[in-house]
Amino acid sequence: MNIEKVWYVTGASQGFGLSLVKKLLTRGYHVAATTRHVQSLTDTLAMIDTKRFLPMNVDLNNPASIGKSIQQTLSEFGHIDVLVNNAGYGMTGTLEETSDQDIENIFAINTMAAIYVTRAVLPVMRSQQSGHIINMGSVAGFVGAPSWSVYSATKAAIAAFSEVLALDLKDFGIKVTVVEPSGFRTGFLSSNSLVYKETRIQGYGAVKNTQERYLANNGSQPGDPDKAAGILIDLSEMPKPPLHLFLGEDAYNRASEKMAGMRKELEEWKAVSISADFIEQEIGMPATQ
């Protein structure tokens, strides 16, 4: 375990982020953490460590604010070894009943913030020829459920972003992992982490049923955020970490079922898929007399 590593964690005031920062400081790592509530986060973690902890109030949709926080981190600790793009929140409801502003807001935090922060950190990691970017996605970005369409879209974008980023950064020794959890007891379904759009349009039975089921499960999700934090730390020490990591038995089962279904459908429609290409012998062949 290399406790000289410096972690930069977004969304550290609650949920996965708070569990991770606590465990990192307890184990002796250096941590720069972004939050909207610096004093609250400082008060929560001050008894663990203050010398190796840099809490920062950062506007994650403002590149200048992000850049300033990167420079603060470098001034304090000298380098950045692990970036965790954790900031985000949930949103449930029908697309018809979701406003333009709500859609823009969730993409701004769940997707664009991760892209902006990663872009700001990359020059540091490139110069080091090392680093690990851990993006917090969701199993919902791979296997969606009724009422989570816009949220799932934000997390699917994070997964695709991570996949291509891993290809782009391989030559620099920078690793990328997208973590895709299922239900964890992080407060994700509480009012300060979830935008809940009540379904008033008649006929959306699956949406209403799913909303009720998820909300009823708040506080009893099977996932343990402290265990997840330990897994993220373990990932950072692996020479070859996975690109995708589904966390939780439910995430594993849902992903496995979807992949099996996709493989079956892919083969069933193979003939149609390949029929869209030019036929090789038709290309450049002279017309028959």
C-alpha atoms as a PDB file:
ATOM      1  CA  MET A   1       0.000   0.000   0.000  1.00  0.00           C
ATOM      2  CA  ASN A   2       1.507   3.297  -1.146  1.00  0.00           C
ATOM      3  CA  ILE A   3       0.163   5.903   1.275  1.00  0.00           C
ATOM      4  CA  GLU A   4       2.197   8.603  -0.458  1.00  0.00           C
ATOM      5  CA  LYS A   5      -0.408   8.585  -3.206  1.00  0.00           C
ATOM      6  CA  VAL A   6      -2.547  11.697  -3.487  1.00  0.00           C
ATOM      7  CA  TRP A   7      -6.261  11.274  -4.141  1.00  0.00           C
ATOM      8  CA  TYR A   8      -8.561  13.919  -5.620  1.00  0.00           C
ATOM      9  CA  VAL A   9     -12.170  13.043  -4.835  1.00  0.00           C
ATOM     10  CA  THR A  10     -15.254  14.962  -5.990  1.00  0.00           C
ATOM     11  CA  GLY A  11     -18.571  14.898  -4.136  1.00  0.00           C
ATOM     12  CA  ALA A  12     -16.996  14.111  -0.775  1.00  0.00           C
ATOM     13  CA  SER A  13     -19.667  15.447   1.573  1.00  0.00           C
ATOM     14  CA  GLN A  14     -21.863  12.327   1.610  1.00  0.00           C
ATOM     15  CA  GLY A  15     -22.404   8.824   0.270  1.00  0.00           C
ATOM     16  CA  PHE A  16     -19.574   6.975  -1.461  1.00  0.00           C
ATOM     17  CA  GLY A  17     -17.384  10.062  -1.432  1.00  0.00           C
ATOM     18  CA  LEU A  18     -17.544  10.566   2.319  1.00  0.00           C
ATOM     19  CA  SER A  19     -16.993   6.864   3.047  1.00  0.00           C
ATOM     20  CA  LEU A  20     -14.002   6.839   0.718  1.00  0.00           C
ATOM     21  CA  VAL A  21     -12.366   9.963   2.129  1.00  0.00           C
ATOM     22  CA  LYS A  22     -12.788   8.690   5.695  1.00  0.00           C
ATOM     23  CA  LYS A  23     -11.146   5.386   4.851  1.00  0.00           C
ATOM     24  CA  LEU A  24      -8.343   7.022   2.871  1.00  0.00           C
ATOM     25  CA  LEU A  25      -7.442   9.336   5.741  1.00  0.00           C
ATOM     26  CA  THR A  26      -7.671   6.506   8.258  1.00  0.00           C
ATOM     27  CA  ARG A  27      -5.195   4.511   6.161  1.00  0.00           C
ATOM     28  CA  GLY A  28      -2.791   7.438   5.833  1.00  0.00           C
ATOM     29  CA  TYR A  29      -3.312   8.668   2.277  1.00  0.00           C
ATOM     30  CA  HIS A  30      -3.275  12.317   1.204  1.00  0.00           C
ATOM     31  CA  VAL A  31      -6.691  13.512   0.064  1.00  0.00           C
ATOM     32  CA  ALA A  32      -7.957  16.586  -1.772  1.00  0.00           C
ATOM     33  CA  ALA A  33     -11.752  16.606  -1.683  1.00  0.00           C
ATOM     34  CA  THR A  34     -14.335  18.801  -3.340  1.00  0.00           C
ATOM     35  CA  THR A  35     -17.603  19.635  -1.654  1.00  0.00           C
ATOM     36  CA  ARG A  36     -20.317  22.272  -1.480  1.00  0.00           C
ATOM     37  CA  HIS A  37     -20.008  22.325   2.320  1.00  0.00           C
ATOM     38  CA  VAL A  38     -16.361  22.711   3.298  1.00  0.00           C
ATOM     39  CA  GLN A  39     -16.925  23.508   6.968  1.00  0.00           C
ATOM     40  CA  SER A  40     -19.271  20.582   7.458  1.00  0.00           C
ATOM     41  CA  LEU A  41     -16.829  18.192   5.791  1.00  0.00           C
ATOM     42  CA  THR A  42     -13.925  19.596   7.813  1.00  0.00           C
ATOM     43  CA  ASP A  43     -15.847  19.197  11.054  1.00  0.00           C
ATOM     44  CA  THR A  44     -16.729  15.615  10.148  1.00  0.00           C
ATOM     45  CA  LEU A  45     -13.176  14.548   9.343  1.00  0.00           C
ATOM     46  CA  ALA A  46     -11.001  16.818  11.483  1.00  0.00           C
ATOM     47  CA  MET A  47     -10.614  14.210  14.215  1.00  0.00           C
ATOM     48  CA  ILE A  48      -9.135  11.753  11.713  1.00  0.00           C
ATOM     49  CA  ASP A  49      -6.516  13.978  10.112  1.00  0.00           C
ATOM     50  CA  THR A  50      -6.029  17.570   8.969  1.00  0.00           C
ATOM     51  CA  LYS A  51      -2.418  17.571   7.736  1.00  0.00           C
ATOM     52  CA  ARG A  52      -3.126  15.159   4.900  1.00  0.00           C
ATOM     53  CA  PHE A  53      -6.577  16.518   4.087  1.00  0.00           C
ATOM     54  CA  LEU A  54      -7.421  19.390   1.742  1.00  0.00           C
ATOM     55  CA  PRO A  55     -11.164  20.138   1.557  1.00  0.00           C
ATOM     56  CA  MET A  56     -12.125  22.588  -1.197  1.00  0.00           C
ATOM     57  CA  ASN A  57     -15.288  24.358  -2.243  1.00  0.00           C
ATOM     58  CA  VAL A  58     -15.256  23.841  -6.027  1.00  0.00           C
ATOM     59  CA  ASP A  59     -17.780  24.648  -8.732  1.00  0.00           C
ATOM     60  CA  LEU A  60     -17.511  21.481 -10.804  1.00  0.00           C
ATOM     61  CA  ASN A  61     -19.125  23.124 -13.811  1.00  0.00           C
ATOM     62  CA  ASN A  62     -16.635  25.994 -13.828  1.00  0.00           C
ATOM     63  CA  PRO A  63     -13.323  25.060 -15.486  1.00  0.00           C
ATOM     64  CA  ALA A  64     -11.580  27.999 -13.786  1.00  0.00           C
ATOM     65  CA  SER A  65     -12.728  26.809 -10.346  1.00  0.00           C
ATOM     66  CA  ILE A  66     -11.620  23.275 -11.146  1.00  0.00           C
ATOM     67  CA  GLY A  67      -8.242  24.487 -12.402  1.00  0.00           C
ATOM     68  CA  LYS A  68      -7.702  26.489  -9.229  1.00  0.00           C
ATOM     69  CA  SER A  69      -8.425  23.401  -7.107  1.00  0.00           C
ATOM     70  CA  ILE A  70      -5.919  21.354  -9.106  1.00  0.00           C
ATOM     71  CA  GLN A  71      -3.248  23.973  -8.486  1.00  0.00           C
ATOM     72  CA  GLN A  72      -4.156  24.058  -4.773  1.00  0.00           C
ATOM     73  CA  THR A  73      -3.729  20.287  -4.629  1.00  0.00           C
ATOM     74  CA  LEU A  74      -0.372  20.409  -6.379  1.00  0.00           C
ATOM     75  CA  SER A  75       0.818  23.232  -4.121  1.00  0.00           C
ATOM     76  CA  GLU A  76      -0.214  21.256  -1.039  1.00  0.00           C
ATOM     77  CA  PHE A  77       0.807  17.727  -2.018  1.00  0.00           C
ATOM     78  CA  GLY A  78       2.954  17.973  -5.182  1.00  0.00           C
ATOM     79  CA  HIS A  79       1.138  15.440  -7.349  1.00  0.00           C
ATOM     80  CA  ILE A  80      -2.192  13.726  -8.061  1.00  0.00           C
ATOM     81  CA  ASP A  81      -2.205   9.959  -8.395  1.00  0.00           C
ATOM     82  CA  VAL A  82      -5.864   8.932  -8.218  1.00  0.00           C
ATOM     83  CA  LEU A  83      -8.870  10.896  -9.432  1.00  0.00           C
ATOM     84  CA  VAL A  84     -12.323   9.769  -8.300  1.00  0.00           C
ATOM     85  CA  ASN A  85     -15.180  11.437 -10.167  1.00  0.00           C
ATOM     86  CA  ASN A  86     -17.888  10.734  -7.628  1.00  0.00           C
ATOM     87  CA  ALA A  87     -20.086  13.849  -7.597  1.00  0.00           C
ATOM     88  CA  GLY A  88     -23.620  13.170  -8.764  1.00  0.00           C
ATOM     89  CA  TYR A  89     -27.224  12.582  -7.832  1.00  0.00           C
ATOM     90  CA  GLY A  90     -30.263  10.613  -8.942  1.00  0.00           C
ATOM     91  CA  MET A  91     -33.460  11.532 -10.720  1.00  0.00           C
ATOM     92  CA  THR A  92     -36.573   9.446 -11.159  1.00  0.00           C
ATOM     93  CA  GLY A  93     -39.718  10.156 -13.165  1.00  0.00           C
ATOM     94  CA  THR A  94     -41.129  10.061 -16.671  1.00  0.00           C
ATOM     95  CA  LEU A  95     -39.342  11.929 -19.428  1.00  0.00           C
ATOM     96  CA  GLU A  96     -42.532  13.808 -20.281  1.00  0.00           C
ATOM     97  CA  GLU A  97     -42.691  15.257 -16.784  1.00  0.00           C
ATOM     98  CA  THR A  98     -39.026  16.229 -16.603  1.00  0.00           C
ATOM     99  CA  SER A  99     -38.208  19.851 -17.381  1.00  0.00           C
ATOM    100  CA  ASP A 100     -35.442  21.085 -19.669  1.00  0.00           C
ATOM    101  CA  GLN A 101     -33.683  22.611 -16.671  1.00  0.00           C
ATOM    102  CA  ASP A 102     -33.793  19.365 -14.685  1.00  0.00           C
ATOM    103  CA  ILE A 103     -32.237  17.494 -17.596  1.00  0.00           C
ATOM    104  CA  GLU A 104     -29.508  20.092 -18.047  1.00  0.00           C
ATOM    105  CA  ASN A 105     -28.775  20.165 -14.322  1.00  0.00           C
ATOM    106  CA  ILE A 106     -28.264  16.432 -13.914  1.00  0.00           C
ATOM    107  CA  PHE A 107     -26.097  16.118 -17.013  1.00  0.00           C
ATOM    108  CA  ALA A 108     -24.048  19.064 -15.744  1.00  0.00           C
ATOM    109  CA  ILE A 109     -23.157  17.295 -12.485  1.00  0.00           C
ATOM    110  CA  ASN A 110     -23.295  13.605 -13.363  1.00  0.00           C
ATOM    111  CA  THR A 111     -21.550  13.809 -16.731  1.00  0.00           C
ATOM    112  CA  MET A 112     -20.034  17.158 -17.648  1.00  0.00           C
ATOM    113  CA  ALA A 113     -18.395  17.707 -14.257  1.00  0.00           C
ATOM    114  CA  ALA A 114     -16.520  14.418 -14.586  1.00  0.00           C
ATOM    115  CA  ILE A 115     -15.362  15.373 -18.069  1.00  0.00           C
ATOM    116  CA  TYR A 116     -14.200  18.830 -16.974  1.00  0.00           C
ATOM    117  CA  VAL A 117     -12.337  17.557 -13.908  1.00  0.00           C
ATOM    118  CA  THR A 118     -10.677  14.755 -15.874  1.00  0.00           C
ATOM    119  CA  ARG A 119      -9.546  17.193 -18.562  1.00  0.00           C
ATOM    120  CA  ALA A 120      -7.986  19.400 -15.884  1.00  0.00           C
ATOM    121  CA  VAL A 121      -6.139  16.502 -14.219  1.00  0.00           C
ATOM    122  CA  LEU A 122      -4.801  14.890 -17.386  1.00  0.00           C
ATOM    123  CA  PRO A 123      -1.791  17.207 -17.903  1.00  0.00           C
ATOM    124  CA  VAL A 124      -0.645  16.357 -14.379  1.00  0.00           C
ATOM    125  CA  MET A 125      -0.945  12.615 -14.888  1.00  0.00           C
ATOM    126  CA  ARG A 126       0.626  12.772 -18.357  1.00  0.00           C
ATOM    127  CA  SER A 127       3.667  14.550 -16.976  1.00  0.00           C
ATOM    128  CA  GLN A 128       3.919  11.898 -14.264  1.00  0.00           C
ATOM    129  CA  GLN A 129       3.378   9.110 -16.823  1.00  0.00           C
ATOM    130  CA  SER A 130       1.090   7.513 -14.257  1.00  0.00           C
ATOM    131  CA  GLY A 131      -2.288   7.810 -12.598  1.00  0.00           C
ATOM    132  CA  HIS A 132      -5.648   6.139 -12.150  1.00  0.00           C
ATOM    133  CA  ILE A 133      -8.997   7.688 -13.030  1.00  0.00           C
ATOM    134  CA  ILE A 134     -11.968   6.096 -11.286  1.00  0.00           C
ATOM    135  CA  ASN A 135     -15.340   7.240 -12.593  1.00  0.00           C
ATOM    136  CA  MET A 136     -18.414   6.435 -10.540  1.00  0.00           C
ATOM    137  CA  GLY A 137     -21.049   5.175 -12.931  1.00  0.00           C
ATOM    138  CA  SER A 138     -24.035   2.987 -12.111  1.00  0.00           C
ATOM    139  CA  VAL A 139     -25.451  -0.348 -13.134  1.00  0.00           C
ATOM    140  CA  ALA A 140     -28.369   1.828 -14.324  1.00  0.00           C
ATOM    141  CA  GLY A 141     -26.064   3.086 -17.067  1.00  0.00           C
ATOM    142  CA  PHE A 142     -25.920  -0.462 -18.439  1.00  0.00           C
ATOM    143  CA  VAL A 143     -29.206  -1.990 -17.291  1.00  0.00           C
ATOM    144  CA  GLY A 144     -31.878   0.636 -16.853  1.00  0.00           C
ATOM    145  CA  ALA A 145     -35.112   0.405 -14.878  1.00  0.00           C
ATOM    146  CA  PRO A 146     -38.429   2.205 -15.449  1.00  0.00           C
ATOM    147  CA  SER A 147     -38.473   5.851 -14.273  1.00  0.00           C
ATOM    148  CA  TRP A 148     -34.678   6.290 -14.443  1.00  0.00           C
ATOM    149  CA  SER A 149     -34.288   7.226 -18.125  1.00  0.00           C
ATOM    150  CA  VAL A 150     -32.429  10.540 -17.791  1.00  0.00           C
ATOM    151  CA  TYR A 151     -30.289   9.385 -14.862  1.00  0.00           C
ATOM    152  CA  SER A 152     -29.380   6.224 -16.779  1.00  0.00           C
ATOM    153  CA  ALA A 153     -28.397   8.335 -19.774  1.00  0.00           C
ATOM    154  CA  THR A 154     -25.950  10.342 -17.637  1.00  0.00           C
ATOM    155  CA  LYS A 155     -24.309   7.175 -16.349  1.00  0.00           C
ATOM    156  CA  ALA A 156     -24.230   5.439 -19.741  1.00  0.00           C
ATOM    157  CA  ALA A 157     -22.332   8.476 -20.985  1.00  0.00           C
ATOM    158  CA  ILE A 158     -19.815   8.073 -18.149  1.00  0.00           C
ATOM    159  CA  ALA A 159     -19.248   4.431 -19.108  1.00  0.00           C
ATOM    160  CA  ALA A 160     -18.656   5.274 -22.783  1.00  0.00           C
ATOM    161  CA  PHE A 161     -16.415   8.194 -21.794  1.00  0.00           C
ATOM    162  CA  SER A 162     -14.346   5.875 -19.592  1.00  0.00           C
ATOM    163  CA  GLU A 163     -13.966   3.208 -22.273  1.00  0.00           C
ATOM    164  CA  VAL A 164     -12.547   5.598 -24.856  1.00  0.00           C
ATOM    165  CA  LEU A 165     -10.470   7.465 -22.294  1.00  0.00           C
ATOM    166  CA  ALA A 166      -8.778   4.188 -21.363  1.00  0.00           C
ATOM    167  CA  LEU A 167      -7.761   3.719 -25.012  1.00  0.00           C
ATOM    168  CA  ASP A 168      -6.506   7.298 -25.300  1.00  0.00           C
ATOM    169  CA  LEU A 169      -4.435   7.210 -22.115  1.00  0.00           C
ATOM    170  CA  LYS A 170      -2.891   3.758 -22.302  1.00  0.00           C
ATOM    171  CA  ASP A 171       0.341   5.090 -23.808  1.00  0.00           C
ATOM    172  CA  PHE A 172       0.831   7.386 -20.817  1.00  0.00           C
ATOM    173  CA  GLY A 173       0.520   4.687 -18.176  1.00  0.00           C
ATOM    174  CA  ILE A 174      -2.778   6.118 -16.951  1.00  0.00           C
ATOM    175  CA  LYS A 175      -5.445   3.594 -15.932  1.00  0.00           C
ATOM    176  CA  VAL A 176      -9.198   4.080 -16.113  1.00  0.00           C
ATOM    177  CA  THR A 177     -11.969   2.232 -14.270  1.00  0.00           C
ATOM    178  CA  VAL A 178     -15.693   2.881 -14.340  1.00  0.00           C
ATOM    179  CA  VAL A 179     -17.364   1.564 -11.182  1.00  0.00           C
ATOM    180  CA  GLU A 180     -21.011   0.580 -11.674  1.00  0.00           C
ATOM    181  CA  PRO A 181     -22.765  -0.120  -8.360  1.00  0.00           C
ATOM    182  CA  SER A 182     -26.302  -1.257  -7.649  1.00  0.00           C
ATOM    183  CA  GLY A 183     -28.119  -0.282  -4.439  1.00  0.00           C
ATOM    184  CA  PHE A 184     -25.892   0.916  -1.584  1.00  0.00           C
ATOM    185  CA  ARG A 185     -26.832   2.547   1.732  1.00  0.00           C
ATOM    186  CA  THR A 186     -25.394   5.931   0.821  1.00  0.00           C
ATOM    187  CA  GLY A 187     -28.447   8.157   1.186  1.00  0.00           C
ATOM    188  CA  PHE A 188     -28.841   8.108  -2.597  1.00  0.00           C
ATOM    189  CA  LEU A 189     -32.621   7.770  -2.306  1.00  0.00           C
ATOM    190  CA  SER A 190     -32.946  10.567   0.255  1.00  0.00           C
ATOM    191  CA  SER A 191     -34.264  14.008  -0.659  1.00  0.00           C
ATOM    192  CA  ASN A 192     -30.813  15.658  -0.755  1.00  0.00           C
ATOM    193  CA  SER A 193     -29.513  13.145  -3.340  1.00  0.00           C
ATOM    194  CA  LEU A 194     -32.592  12.378  -5.419  1.00  0.00           C
ATOM    195  CA  VAL A 195     -34.810  14.524  -7.616  1.00  0.00           C
ATOM    196  CA  TYR A 196     -38.173  12.808  -7.467  1.00  0.00           C
ATOM    197  CA  LYS A 197     -40.682  13.623 -10.197  1.00  0.00           C
ATOM    198  CA  GLU A 198     -44.124  12.439  -9.207  1.00  0.00           C
ATOM    199  CA  THR A 199     -45.847  10.655 -12.078  1.00  0.00           C
ATOM    200  CA  ARG A 200     -49.224  12.252 -12.752  1.00  0.00           C
ATOM    201  CA  ILE A 201     -49.817  11.037 -16.310  1.00  0.00           C
ATOM    202  CA  GLN A 202     -52.101   8.032 -16.403  1.00  0.00           C
ATOM    203  CA  GLY A 203     -50.800   4.770 -17.836  1.00  0.00           C
ATOM    204  CA  TYR A 204     -47.212   4.824 -16.607  1.00  0.00           C
ATOM    205  CA  GLY A 205     -47.772   1.811 -14.376  1.00  0.00           C
ATOM    206  CA  ALA A 206     -44.233   0.437 -14.591  1.00  0.00           C
ATOM    207  CA  VAL A 207     -42.791   3.838 -13.703  1.00  0.00           C
ATOM    208  CA  LYS A 208     -45.026   4.298 -10.665  1.00  0.00           C
ATOM    209  CA  ASN A 209     -44.448   0.767  -9.411  1.00  0.00           C
ATOM    210  CA  THR A 210     -40.688   1.065  -9.759  1.00  0.00           C
ATOM    211  CA  GLN A 211     -40.601   4.420  -7.990  1.00  0.00           C
ATOM    212  CA  GLU A 212     -42.578   3.012  -5.064  1.00  0.00           C
ATOM    213  CA  ARG A 213     -40.375  -0.070  -4.864  1.00  0.00           C
ATOM    214  CA  TYR A 214     -37.115   1.892  -4.894  1.00  0.00           C
ATOM    215  CA  LEU A 215     -38.246   4.450  -2.334  1.00  0.00           C
ATOM    216  CA  ALA A 216     -39.530   1.715  -0.036  1.00  0.00           C
ATOM    217  CA  ASN A 217     -36.057   0.174  -0.170  1.00  0.00           C
ATOM    218  CA  ASN A 218     -34.316   3.318   1.083  1.00  0.00           C
ATOM    219  CA  GLY A 219     -32.044   2.450   3.993  1.00  0.00           C
ATOM    220  CA  SER A 220     -32.185  -1.293   3.403  1.00  0.00           C
ATOM    221  CA  GLN A 221     -30.095  -1.579   0.236  1.00  0.00           C
ATOM    222  CA  PRO A 222     -27.680  -4.538   0.386  1.00  0.00           C
ATOM    223  CA  GLY A 223     -24.563  -2.585  -0.614  1.00  0.00           C
ATOM    224  CA  ASP A 224     -22.107  -1.516   2.116  1.00  0.00           C
ATOM    225  CA  PRO A 225     -20.429   1.830   1.218  1.00  0.00           C
ATOM    226  CA  ASP A 226     -17.500   1.178   3.579  1.00  0.00           C
ATOM    227  CA  LYS A 227     -16.731  -2.080   1.792  1.00  0.00           C
ATOM    228  CA  ALA A 228     -17.026  -0.279  -1.541  1.00  0.00           C
ATOM    229  CA  ALA A 229     -14.533   2.339  -0.337  1.00  0.00           C
ATOM    230  CA  GLY A 230     -12.072  -0.409   0.556  1.00  0.00           C
ATOM    231  CA  ILE A 231     -12.487  -1.931  -2.897  1.00  0.00           C
ATOM    232  CA  LEU A 232     -11.743   1.407  -4.572  1.00  0.00           C
ATOM    233  CA  ILE A 233      -8.548   1.726  -2.563  1.00  0.00           C
ATOM    234  CA  ASP A 234      -7.570  -1.814  -3.526  1.00  0.00           C
ATOM    235  CA  LEU A 235      -8.204  -0.944  -7.182  1.00  0.00           C
ATOM    236  CA  SER A 236      -5.716   1.898  -6.974  1.00  0.00           C
ATOM    237  CA  GLU A 237      -2.970  -0.531  -5.938  1.00  0.00           C
ATOM    238  CA  MET A 238      -3.603  -3.019  -8.760  1.00  0.00           C
ATOM    239  CA  PRO A 239      -1.156  -3.084 -11.682  1.00  0.00           C
ATOM    240  CA  LYS A 240      -4.003  -4.094 -14.009  1.00  0.00           C
ATOM    241  CA  PRO A 241      -7.355  -2.914 -12.639  1.00  0.00           C
ATOM    242  CA  PRO A 242     -10.554  -3.697 -14.562  1.00  0.00           C
ATOM    243  CA  LEU A 243     -12.057  -1.198 -16.975  1.00  0.00           C
ATOM    244  CA  HIS A 244     -15.580  -2.049 -15.743  1.00  0.00           C
ATOM    245  CA  LEU A 245     -16.329  -3.053 -12.175  1.00  0.00           C
ATOM    246  CA  PHE A 246     -19.919  -3.829 -11.225  1.00  0.00           C
ATOM    247  CA  LEU A 247     -20.376  -3.550  -7.459  1.00  0.00           C
ATOM    248  CA  GLY A 248     -23.039  -5.507  -5.596  1.00  0.00           C
ATOM    249  CA  GLU A 249     -24.642  -8.865  -6.308  1.00  0.00           C
ATOM    250  CA  ASP A 250     -27.646  -7.170  -7.903  1.00  0.00           C
ATOM    251  CA  ALA A 251     -25.368  -5.248 -10.272  1.00  0.00           C
ATOM    252  CA  TYR A 252     -23.533  -8.441 -11.200  1.00  0.00           C
ATOM    253  CA  ASN A 253     -26.759 -10.372 -11.826  1.00  0.00           C
ATOM    254  CA  ARG A 254     -28.392  -7.602 -13.850  1.00  0.00           C
ATOM    255  CA  ALA A 255     -25.293  -7.089 -15.988  1.00  0.00           C
ATOM    256  CA  SER A 256     -24.876 -10.834 -16.563  1.00  0.00           C
ATOM    257  CA  GLU A 257     -28.492 -11.237 -17.627  1.00  0.00           C
ATOM    258  CA  LYS A 258     -28.303  -8.311 -20.024  1.00  0.00           C
ATOM    259  CA  MET A 259     -25.050  -9.471 -21.599  1.00  0.00           C
ATOM    260  CA  ALA A 260     -26.512 -12.921 -22.199  1.00  0.00           C
ATOM    261  CA  GLY A 261     -29.603 -11.360 -23.780  1.00  0.00           C
ATOM    262  CA  MET A 262     -27.509  -9.043 -25.931  1.00  0.00           C
ATOM    263  CA  ARG A 263     -25.398 -11.935 -27.186  1.00  0.00           C
ATOM    264  CA  LYS A 264     -28.508 -13.910 -28.077  1.00  0.00           C
ATOM    265  CA  GLU A 265     -30.093 -10.975 -29.900  1.00  0.00           C
ATOM    266  CA  LEU A 266     -26.839 -10.124 -31.672  1.00  0.00           C
ATOM    267  CA  GLU A 267     -26.604 -13.628 -33.136  1.00  0.00           C
ATOM    268  CA  GLU A 268     -30.285 -13.754 -34.056  1.00  0.00           C
ATOM    269  CA  TRP A 269     -29.920 -10.568 -36.083  1.00  0.00           C
ATOM    270  CA  LYS A 270     -26.436 -11.250 -37.439  1.00  0.00           C
ATOM    271  CA  ALA A 271     -27.612 -11.768 -41.021  1.00  0.00           C
ATOM    272  CA  VAL A 272     -29.450  -8.459 -41.040  1.00  0.00           C
ATOM    273  CA  SER A 273     -26.498  -6.662 -39.438  1.00  0.00           C
ATOM    274  CA  ILE A 274     -23.962  -7.754 -42.017  1.00  0.00           C
ATOM    275  CA  SER A 275     -26.393  -7.325 -44.924  1.00  0.00           C
ATOM    276  CA  ALA A 276     -25.985  -3.548 -44.615  1.00  0.00           C
ATOM    277  CA  ASP A 277     -22.410  -3.651 -45.979  1.00  0.00           C
ATOM    278  CA  PHE A 278     -21.340  -3.450 -49.606  1.00  0.00           C
ATOM    279  CA  ILE A 279     -20.803  -6.876 -51.101  1.00  0.00           C
ATOM    280  CA  GLU A 280     -17.057  -7.116 -51.705  1.00  0.00           C
ATOM    281  CA  GLN A 281     -17.253  -8.495 -55.236  1.00  0.00           C
ATOM    282  CA  GLU A 282     -19.567  -5.642 -56.237  1.00  0.00           C
ATOM    283  CA  ILE A 283     -16.904  -3.056 -55.502  1.00  0.00           C
ATOM    284  CA  GLY A 284     -14.729  -2.172 -58.501  1.00  0.00           C
ATOM    285  CA  MET A 285     -16.130  -4.968 -60.694  1.00  0.00           C
ATOM    286  CA  PRO A 286     -16.735  -4.042 -64.348  1.00  0.00           C
ATOM    287  CA  ALA A 287     -20.295  -4.348 -65.620  1.00  0.00           C
ATOM    288  CA  THR A 288     -21.034  -7.581 -67.482  1.00  0.00           C
ATOM    289  CA  GLN A 289     -21.606  -7.392 -71.245  1.00  0.00           C
END
